[in-house]
Every structure is written in structure tokens, then in C-alpha cells.
């Protein structure tokens, strides 16, 4: 079975959110560090923005602490949407 783009983006966003929360960052602080508006960053975590490789590299740098591009594509721990997240 080939991967579904929407599912990949959803899982990527969830994984980025997990890594961000593990570092104690808010979405607003992460967006600030990336030089983007908070609503645009939120769309990444919601899986609603098809990010470029450049953006992925910037996210890895923002997360720091040895995070790699491959880490972003590891399955997220949570398969359910967290409370307060925008449904897809």
C-alpha cells in the first residue's frame, strides 16, 4: 500500500508537535524561531501545510538537540488528535 499524502502530512505534523512540546516550546515560540506567523506554523502541526524540504531543515534546526530529518518521520506516539487541535 502506497502512502497517502494527507496521512503523511498529518503524522509529520503530530510528530513535530510532540518534539516541540518535549522541548517545552509553545507554537508561538516555535513560529518565532522559524521566522513565520504562528497560524502558518499551526497549519504544519495540523498536517494542513505541505512543507518544503527547506522548511523541514529549519524545523530540525529549531528543535535542536540532535533531532534529524528522519526523526520527523518517525511514527507519532499519539494517533489521536489532541484536545484543542483543529480537526481535519
PDB file of N, CA and C in Angstrom:
ATOM      1  N   UNK A   1       0.843  -1.185   0.000  1.00  0.00           N
ATOM      2  CA  UNK A   1       0.000   0.000   0.000  1.00  0.00           C
ATOM      3  C   UNK A   1       0.887   1.245   0.000  1.00  0.00           C
ATOM      4  N   UNK A   2       0.650   2.138  -0.934  1.00  0.00           N
ATOM      5  CA  UNK A   2       1.434   3.362  -1.023  1.00  0.00           C
ATOM      6  C   UNK A   2       0.931   4.376   0.004  1.00  0.00           C
ATOM      7  N   UNK A   3       1.848   5.213   0.495  1.00  0.00           N
ATOM      8  CA  UNK A   3       1.432   6.200   1.490  1.00  0.00           C
ATOM      9  C   UNK A   3       0.484   7.236   0.901  1.00  0.00           C
ATOM     10  N   UNK A   4      -0.412   7.697   1.712  1.00  0.00           N
ATOM     11  CA  UNK A   4      -1.359   8.738   1.366  1.00  0.00           C
ATOM     12  C   UNK A   4      -0.771  10.078   1.817  1.00  0.00           C
ATOM     13  N   UNK A   5      -0.723  11.059   0.915  1.00  0.00           N
ATOM     14  CA  UNK A   5      -0.111  12.353   1.235  1.00  0.00           C
ATOM     15  C   UNK A   5      -0.721  12.975   2.481  1.00  0.00           C
ATOM     16  N   UNK A   6      -2.026  12.964   2.587  1.00  0.00           N
ATOM     17  CA  UNK A   6      -2.692  13.570   3.745  1.00  0.00           C
ATOM     18  C   UNK A   6      -2.268  12.882   5.038  1.00  0.00           C
ATOM     19  N   UNK A   7      -2.155  11.558   5.011  1.00  0.00           N
ATOM     20  CA  UNK A   7      -1.756  10.816   6.210  1.00  0.00           C
ATOM     21  C   UNK A   7      -0.309  11.121   6.582  1.00  0.00           C
ATOM     22  N   UNK A   8       0.562  11.232   5.592  1.00  0.00           N
ATOM     23  CA  UNK A   8       1.971  11.558   5.856  1.00  0.00           C
ATOM     24  C   UNK A   8       2.067  12.940   6.480  1.00  0.00           C
ATOM     25  N   UNK A   9       1.362  13.916   5.910  1.00  0.00           N
ATOM     26  CA  UNK A   9       1.400  15.270   6.461  1.00  0.00           C
ATOM     27  C   UNK A   9       0.822  15.326   7.873  1.00  0.00           C
ATOM     28  N   UNK A  10      -0.258  14.582   8.110  1.00  0.00           N
ATOM     29  CA  UNK A  10      -0.870  14.532   9.445  1.00  0.00           C
ATOM     30  C   UNK A  10       0.117  13.956  10.458  1.00  0.00           C
ATOM     31  N   UNK A  11       0.744  12.821  10.134  1.00  0.00           N
ATOM     32  CA  UNK A  11       1.691  12.194  11.062  1.00  0.00           C
ATOM     33  C   UNK A  11       2.937  13.050  11.251  1.00  0.00           C
ATOM     34  N   UNK A  12       3.405  13.690  10.172  1.00  0.00           N
ATOM     35  CA  UNK A  12       4.552  14.586  10.272  1.00  0.00           C
ATOM     36  C   UNK A  12       4.230  15.734  11.227  1.00  0.00           C
ATOM     37  N   UNK A  13       3.072  16.330  11.068  1.00  0.00           N
ATOM     38  CA  UNK A  13       2.662  17.423  11.947  1.00  0.00           C
ATOM     39  C   UNK A  13       2.556  16.996  13.398  1.00  0.00           C
ATOM     40  N   UNK A  14       1.978  15.828  13.627  1.00  0.00           N
ATOM     41  CA  UNK A  14       1.864  15.318  15.000  1.00  0.00           C
ATOM     42  C   UNK A  14       3.235  15.071  15.607  1.00  0.00           C
ATOM     43  N   UNK A  15       4.136  14.539  14.810  1.00  0.00           N
ATOM     44  CA  UNK A  15       5.487  14.255  15.306  1.00  0.00           C
ATOM     45  C   UNK A  15       6.230  15.556  15.630  1.00  0.00           C
ATOM     46  N   UNK A  16       6.106  16.555  14.771  1.00  0.00           N
ATOM     47  CA  UNK A  16       6.727  17.854  15.038  1.00  0.00           C
ATOM     48  C   UNK A  16       6.156  18.439  16.327  1.00  0.00           C
ATOM     49  N   UNK A  17       4.848  18.343  16.501  1.00  0.00           N
ATOM     50  CA  UNK A  17       4.213  18.856  17.724  1.00  0.00           C
ATOM     51  C   UNK A  17       4.748  18.133  18.965  1.00  0.00           C
ATOM     52  N   UNK A  18       4.902  16.806  18.876  1.00  0.00           N
ATOM     53  CA  UNK A  18       5.448  16.042  20.007  1.00  0.00           C
ATOM     54  C   UNK A  18       6.851  16.518  20.368  1.00  0.00           C
ATOM     55  N   UNK A  19       7.683  16.667  19.360  1.00  0.00           N
ATOM     56  CA  UNK A  19       9.063  17.096  19.600  1.00  0.00           C
ATOM     57  C   UNK A  19       9.107  18.522  20.158  1.00  0.00           C
ATOM     58  N   UNK A  20       8.239  19.383  19.657  1.00  0.00           N
ATOM     59  CA  UNK A  20       8.184  20.765  20.155  1.00  0.00           C
ATOM     60  C   UNK A  20       7.768  20.785  21.622  1.00  0.00           C
ATOM     61  N   UNK A  21       6.710  20.043  21.942  1.00  0.00           N
ATOM     62  CA  UNK A  21       6.231  20.006  23.336  1.00  0.00           C
ATOM     63  C   UNK A  21       7.281  19.406  24.260  1.00  0.00           C
ATOM     64  N   UNK A  22       8.022  18.401  23.785  1.00  0.00           N
ATOM     65  CA  UNK A  22       9.067  17.773  24.605  1.00  0.00           C
ATOM     66  C   UNK A  22      10.159  18.770  24.966  1.00  0.00           C
ATOM     67  N   UNK A  23      10.288  19.818  24.158  1.00  0.00           N
ATOM     68  CA  UNK A  23      11.296  20.851  24.421  1.00  0.00           C
ATOM     69  C   UNK A  23      10.707  22.052  25.153  1.00  0.00           C
ATOM     70  N   UNK A  24       9.436  21.941  25.536  1.00  0.00           N
ATOM     71  CA  UNK A  24       8.794  22.997  26.300  1.00  0.00           C
ATOM     72  C   UNK A  24       8.501  24.257  25.510  1.00  0.00           C
ATOM     73  N   UNK A  25       8.364  24.113  24.197  1.00  0.00           N
ATOM     74  CA  UNK A  25       8.096  25.277  23.355  1.00  0.00           C
ATOM     75  C   UNK A  25       6.609  25.386  23.042  1.00  0.00           C
ATOM     76  N   UNK A  26       6.108  26.602  23.005  1.00  0.00           N
ATOM     77  CA  UNK A  26       4.754  26.842  22.513  1.00  0.00           C
ATOM     78  C   UNK A  26       4.804  26.928  20.995  1.00  0.00           C
ATOM     79  N   UNK A  27       3.648  26.835  20.368  1.00  0.00           N
ATOM     80  CA  UNK A  27       3.596  27.016  18.924  1.00  0.00           C
ATOM     81  C   UNK A  27       4.072  28.423  18.554  1.00  0.00           C
ATOM     82  N   UNK A  28       3.712  29.391  19.373  1.00  0.00           N
ATOM     83  CA  UNK A  28       4.103  30.774  19.094  1.00  0.00           C
ATOM     84  C   UNK A  28       5.621  30.941  19.140  1.00  0.00           C
ATOM     85  N   UNK A  29       6.266  30.331  20.133  1.00  0.00           N
ATOM     86  CA  UNK A  29       7.725  30.432  20.257  1.00  0.00           C
ATOM     87  C   UNK A  29       8.405  29.703  19.101  1.00  0.00           C
ATOM     88  N   UNK A  30       7.883  28.526  18.735  1.00  0.00           N
ATOM     89  CA  UNK A  30       8.450  27.780  17.612  1.00  0.00           C
ATOM     90  C   UNK A  30       8.324  28.588  16.325  1.00  0.00           C
ATOM     91  N   UNK A  31       7.156  29.192  16.106  1.00  0.00           N
ATOM     92  CA  UNK A  31       6.940  30.012  14.912  1.00  0.00           C
ATOM     93  C   UNK A  31       7.904  31.192  14.895  1.00  0.00           C
ATOM     94  N   UNK A  32       8.077  31.820  16.037  1.00  0.00           N
ATOM     95  CA  UNK A  32       9.000  32.953  16.140  1.00  0.00           C
ATOM     96  C   UNK A  32      10.419  32.528  15.766  1.00  0.00           C
ATOM     97  N   UNK A  33      10.858  31.387  16.288  1.00  0.00           N
ATOM     98  CA  UNK A  33      12.207  30.891  15.983  1.00  0.00           C
ATOM     99  C   UNK A  33      12.374  30.552  14.505  1.00  0.00           C
ATOM    100  N   UNK A  34      11.273  30.171  13.863  1.00  0.00           N
ATOM    101  CA  UNK A  34      11.318  29.834  12.436  1.00  0.00           C
ATOM    102  C   UNK A  34      11.123  31.062  11.549  1.00  0.00           C
ATOM    103  N   UNK A  35      10.744  32.175  12.168  1.00  0.00           N
ATOM    104  CA  UNK A  35      10.506  33.384  11.385  1.00  0.00           C
ATOM    105  C   UNK A  35       9.233  33.319  10.566  1.00  0.00           C
ATOM    106  N   UNK A  36       8.206  32.653  11.120  1.00  0.00           N
ATOM    107  CA  UNK A  36       6.927  32.567  10.416  1.00  0.00           C
ATOM    108  C   UNK A  36       5.800  32.950  11.363  1.00  0.00           C
ATOM    109  N   UNK A  37       4.661  33.220  10.810  1.00  0.00           N
ATOM    110  CA  UNK A  37       3.494  33.552  11.623  1.00  0.00           C
ATOM    111  C   UNK A  37       2.980  32.299  12.326  1.00  0.00           C
ATOM    112  N   UNK A  38       2.496  32.477  13.546  1.00  0.00           N
ATOM    113  CA  UNK A  38       2.000  31.345  14.342  1.00  0.00           C
ATOM    114  C   UNK A  38       0.899  30.554  13.629  1.00  0.00           C
ATOM    115  N   UNK A  39      -0.059  31.210  12.947  1.00  0.00           N
ATOM    116  CA  UNK A  39      -1.082  30.413  12.247  1.00  0.00           C
ATOM    117  C   UNK A  39      -0.499  29.510  11.159  1.00  0.00           C
ATOM    118  N   UNK A  40       0.546  29.976  10.492  1.00  0.00           N
ATOM    119  CA  UNK A  40       1.182  29.133   9.467  1.00  0.00           C
ATOM    120  C   UNK A  40       1.888  27.948  10.110  1.00  0.00           C
ATOM    121  N   UNK A  41       2.555  28.192  11.234  1.00  0.00           N
ATOM    122  CA  UNK A  41       3.208  27.086  11.940  1.00  0.00           C
ATOM    123  C   UNK A  41       2.153  26.084  12.424  1.00  0.00           C
ATOM    124  N   UNK A  42       1.045  26.584  12.940  1.00  0.00           N
ATOM    125  CA  UNK A  42      -0.024  25.695  13.416  1.00  0.00           C
ATOM    126  C   UNK A  42      -0.517  24.799  12.283  1.00  0.00           C
ATOM    127  N   UNK A  43      -0.577  25.331  11.062  1.00  0.00           N
ATOM    128  CA  UNK A  43      -1.008  24.531   9.917  1.00  0.00           C
ATOM    129  C   UNK A  43      -0.049  23.375   9.653  1.00  0.00           C
ATOM    130  N   UNK A  44       1.246  23.561   9.947  1.00  0.00           N
ATOM    131  CA  UNK A  44       2.209  22.458   9.804  1.00  0.00           C
ATOM    132  C   UNK A  44       1.843  21.352  10.776  1.00  0.00           C
ATOM    133  N   UNK A  45       1.645  21.720  12.046  1.00  0.00           N
ATOM    134  CA  UNK A  45       1.329  20.713  13.064  1.00  0.00           C
ATOM    135  C   UNK A  45      -0.025  20.053  12.823  1.00  0.00           C
ATOM    136  N   UNK A  46      -0.920  20.748  12.173  1.00  0.00           N
ATOM    137  CA  UNK A  46      -2.237  20.196  11.864  1.00  0.00           C
ATOM    138  C   UNK A  46      -2.209  19.313  10.621  1.00  0.00           C
ATOM    139  N   UNK A  47      -1.062  19.286   9.925  1.00  0.00           N
ATOM    140  CA  UNK A  47      -0.961  18.497   8.707  1.00  0.00           C
ATOM    141  C   UNK A  47      -1.674  19.133   7.538  1.00  0.00           C
ATOM    142  N   UNK A  48      -1.881  20.443   7.611  1.00  0.00           N
ATOM    143  CA  UNK A  48      -2.622  21.151   6.574  1.00  0.00           C
ATOM    144  C   UNK A  48      -1.724  21.974   5.656  1.00  0.00           C
ATOM    145  N   UNK A  49      -0.407  21.905   5.867  1.00  0.00           N
ATOM    146  CA  UNK A  49       0.533  22.643   5.032  1.00  0.00           C
ATOM    147  C   UNK A  49       1.569  21.672   4.484  1.00  0.00           C
ATOM    148  N   UNK A  50       1.653  21.598   3.169  1.00  0.00           N
ATOM    149  CA  UNK A  50       2.634  20.727   2.520  1.00  0.00           C
ATOM    150  C   UNK A  50       3.979  21.452   2.559  1.00  0.00           C
ATOM    151  N   UNK A  51       4.808  21.104   3.520  1.00  0.00           N
ATOM    152  CA  UNK A  51       6.054  21.822   3.771  1.00  0.00           C
ATOM    153  C   UNK A  51       7.139  21.448   2.761  1.00  0.00           C
ATOM    154  N   UNK A  52       8.050  22.385   2.557  1.00  0.00           N
ATOM    155  CA  UNK A  52       9.187  22.149   1.676  1.00  0.00           C
ATOM    156  C   UNK A  52      10.320  21.508   2.465  1.00  0.00           C
ATOM    157  N   UNK A  53      11.289  20.994   1.758  1.00  0.00           N
ATOM    158  CA  UNK A  53      12.485  20.447   2.403  1.00  0.00           C
ATOM    159  C   UNK A  53      13.183  21.554   3.193  1.00  0.00           C
ATOM    160  N   UNK A  54      13.218  22.755   2.643  1.00  0.00           N
ATOM    161  CA  UNK A  54      13.817  23.890   3.343  1.00  0.00           C
ATOM    162  C   UNK A  54      13.149  24.108   4.702  1.00  0.00           C
ATOM    163  N   UNK A  55      11.832  24.046   4.735  1.00  0.00           N
ATOM    164  CA  UNK A  55      11.113  24.228   5.997  1.00  0.00           C
ATOM    165  C   UNK A  55      11.422  23.095   6.966  1.00  0.00           C
ATOM    166  N   UNK A  56      11.507  21.867   6.470  1.00  0.00           N
ATOM    167  CA  UNK A  56      11.841  20.740   7.342  1.00  0.00           C
ATOM    168  C   UNK A  56      13.220  20.923   7.965  1.00  0.00           C
ATOM    169  N   UNK A  57      14.179  21.385   7.177  1.00  0.00           N
ATOM    170  CA  UNK A  57      15.524  21.630   7.703  1.00  0.00           C
ATOM    171  C   UNK A  57      15.476  22.717   8.771  1.00  0.00           C
ATOM    172  N   UNK A  58      14.698  23.759   8.536  1.00  0.00           N
ATOM    173  CA  UNK A  58      14.564  24.833   9.520  1.00  0.00           C
ATOM    174  C   UNK A  58      13.900  24.325  10.801  1.00  0.00           C
ATOM    175  N   UNK A  59      12.909  23.449  10.674  1.00  0.00           N
ATOM    176  CA  UNK A  59      12.244  22.872  11.853  1.00  0.00           C
ATOM    177  C   UNK A  59      13.241  22.046  12.655  1.00  0.00           C
ATOM    178  N   UNK A  60      14.048  21.236  11.980  1.00  0.00           N
ATOM    179  CA  UNK A  60      15.061  20.423  12.665  1.00  0.00           C
ATOM    180  C   UNK A  60      16.026  21.320  13.436  1.00  0.00           C
ATOM    181  N   UNK A  61      16.480  22.379  12.797  1.00  0.00           N
ATOM    182  CA  UNK A  61      17.392  23.315  13.477  1.00  0.00           C
ATOM    183  C   UNK A  61      16.712  23.974  14.673  1.00  0.00           C
ATOM    184  N   UNK A  62      15.451  24.343  14.519  1.00  0.00           N
ATOM    185  CA  UNK A  62      14.699  24.970  15.604  1.00  0.00           C
ATOM    186  C   UNK A  62      14.569  24.012  16.786  1.00  0.00           C
ATOM    187  N   UNK A  63      14.313  22.744  16.507  1.00  0.00           N
ATOM    188  CA  UNK A  63      14.153  21.757  17.582  1.00  0.00           C
ATOM    189  C   UNK A  63      15.483  21.424  18.242  1.00  0.00           C
ATOM    190  N   UNK A  64      16.566  21.449  17.474  1.00  0.00           N
ATOM    191  CA  UNK A  64      17.907  21.241  18.019  1.00  0.00           C
ATOM    192  C   UNK A  64      18.092  19.893  18.697  1.00  0.00           C
ATOM    193  N   UNK A  65      19.054  19.834  19.613  1.00  0.00           N
ATOM    194  CA  UNK A  65      19.331  18.649  20.432  1.00  0.00           C
ATOM    195  C   UNK A  65      19.427  17.351  19.640  1.00  0.00           C
ATOM    196  N   UNK A  66      20.108  17.393  18.489  1.00  0.00           N
ATOM    197  CA  UNK A  66      20.343  16.167  17.739  1.00  0.00           C
ATOM    198  C   UNK A  66      19.156  15.636  16.965  1.00  0.00           C
ATOM    199  N   UNK A  67      18.090  16.423  16.800  1.00  0.00           N
ATOM    200  CA  UNK A  67      16.940  15.982  16.012  1.00  0.00           C
ATOM    201  C   UNK A  67      17.354  15.941  14.544  1.00  0.00           C
ATOM    202  N   UNK A  68      16.950  14.883  13.858  1.00  0.00           N
ATOM    203  CA  UNK A  68      17.263  14.726  12.437  1.00  0.00           C
ATOM    204  C   UNK A  68      15.976  14.771  11.613  1.00  0.00           C
ATOM    205  N   UNK A  69      16.154  14.905  10.317  1.00  0.00           N
ATOM    206  CA  UNK A  69      15.000  14.845   9.416  1.00  0.00           C
ATOM    207  C   UNK A  69      14.269  13.519   9.611  1.00  0.00           C
ATOM    208  N   UNK A  70      15.020  12.438   9.746  1.00  0.00           N
ATOM    209  CA  UNK A  70      14.402  11.118   9.934  1.00  0.00           C
ATOM    210  C   UNK A  70      13.538  11.086  11.189  1.00  0.00           C
ATOM    211  N   UNK A  71      13.946  11.796  12.241  1.00  0.00           N
ATOM    212  CA  UNK A  71      13.150  11.843  13.474  1.00  0.00           C
ATOM    213  C   UNK A  71      11.759  12.422  13.223  1.00  0.00           C
ATOM    214  N   UNK A  72      11.672  13.350  12.281  1.00  0.00           N
ATOM    215  CA  UNK A  72      10.380  13.960  11.983  1.00  0.00           C
ATOM    216  C   UNK A  72       9.411  12.964  11.359  1.00  0.00           C
ATOM    217  N   UNK A  73       9.957  11.946  10.697  1.00  0.00           N
ATOM    218  CA  UNK A  73       9.117  10.968  10.018  1.00  0.00           C
ATOM    219  C   UNK A  73       8.908   9.685  10.820  1.00  0.00           C
ATOM    220  N   UNK A  74       9.398   9.658  12.062  1.00  0.00           N
ATOM    221  CA  UNK A  74       9.100   8.525  12.948  1.00  0.00           C
ATOM    222  C   UNK A  74       7.612   8.581  13.275  1.00  0.00           C
ATOM    223  N   UNK A  75       6.984   7.435  13.474  1.00  0.00           N
ATOM    224  CA  UNK A  75       5.557   7.465  13.789  1.00  0.00           C
ATOM    225  C   UNK A  75       5.301   8.265  15.068  1.00  0.00           C
ATOM    226  N   UNK A  76       4.266   9.108  15.054  1.00  0.00           N
ATOM    227  CA  UNK A  76       3.954   9.863  16.267  1.00  0.00           C
ATOM    228  C   UNK A  76       3.450   8.929  17.357  1.00  0.00           C
ATOM    229  N   UNK A  77       3.719   9.289  18.601  1.00  0.00           N
ATOM    230  CA  UNK A  77       3.250   8.468  19.725  1.00  0.00           C
ATOM    231  C   UNK A  77       1.729   8.498  19.790  1.00  0.00           C
ATOM    232  N   UNK A  78       1.159   9.645  19.514  1.00  0.00           N
ATOM    233  CA  UNK A  78      -0.294   9.796  19.575  1.00  0.00           C
ATOM    234  C   UNK A  78      -0.882   9.605  18.191  1.00  0.00           C
ATOM    235  N   UNK A  79      -1.852   8.711  18.087  1.00  0.00           N
ATOM    236  CA  UNK A  79      -2.527   8.533  16.812  1.00  0.00           C
ATOM    237  C   UNK A  79      -3.848   9.286  16.796  1.00  0.00           C
ATOM    238  N   UNK A  80      -4.237   9.792  17.943  1.00  0.00           N
ATOM    239  CA  UNK A  80      -5.464  10.578  18.046  1.00  0.00           C
ATOM    240  C   UNK A  80      -5.121  12.045  18.127  1.00  0.00           C
ATOM    241  N   UNK A  81      -6.032  12.870  17.683  1.00  0.00           N
ATOM    242  CA  UNK A  81      -5.862  14.312  17.744  1.00  0.00           C
ATOM    243  C   UNK A  81      -5.951  14.752  19.203  1.00  0.00           C
ATOM    244  N   UNK A  82      -5.061  15.658  19.599  1.00  0.00           N
ATOM    245  CA  UNK A  82      -5.096  16.190  20.955  1.00  0.00           C
ATOM    246  C   UNK A  82      -6.219  17.181  21.109  1.00  0.00           C
ATOM    247  N   UNK A  83      -6.732  17.290  22.328  1.00  0.00           N
ATOM    248  CA  UNK A  83      -7.766  18.253  22.630  1.00  0.00           C
ATOM    249  C   UNK A  83      -7.290  19.651  22.286  1.00  0.00           C
ATOM    250  N   UNK A  84      -8.140  20.417  21.634  1.00  0.00           N
ATOM    251  CA  UNK A  84      -7.787  21.779  21.283  1.00  0.00           C
ATOM    252  C   UNK A  84      -7.182  21.904  19.902  1.00  0.00           C
ATOM    253  N   UNK A  85      -6.853  20.785  19.249  1.00  0.00           N
ATOM    254  CA  UNK A  85      -6.318  20.860  17.901  1.00  0.00           C
ATOM    255  C   UNK A  85      -7.470  20.989  16.915  1.00  0.00           C
ATOM    256  N   UNK A  86      -7.215  21.621  15.804  1.00  0.00           N
ATOM    257  CA  UNK A  86      -8.221  21.788  14.780  1.00  0.00           C
ATOM    258  C   UNK A  86      -8.429  20.467  14.051  1.00  0.00           C
ATOM    259  N   UNK A  87      -9.676  19.997  13.952  1.00  0.00           N
ATOM    260  CA  UNK A  87      -9.931  18.755  13.227  1.00  0.00           C
ATOM    261  C   UNK A  87      -9.673  18.906  11.736  1.00  0.00           C
ATOM    262  N   UNK A  88      -9.357  17.783  11.091  1.00  0.00           N
ATOM    263  CA  UNK A  88      -9.133  17.782   9.653  1.00  0.00           C
ATOM    264  C   UNK A  88     -10.354  17.289   8.932  1.00  0.00           C
TER     265      UNK A  88
END
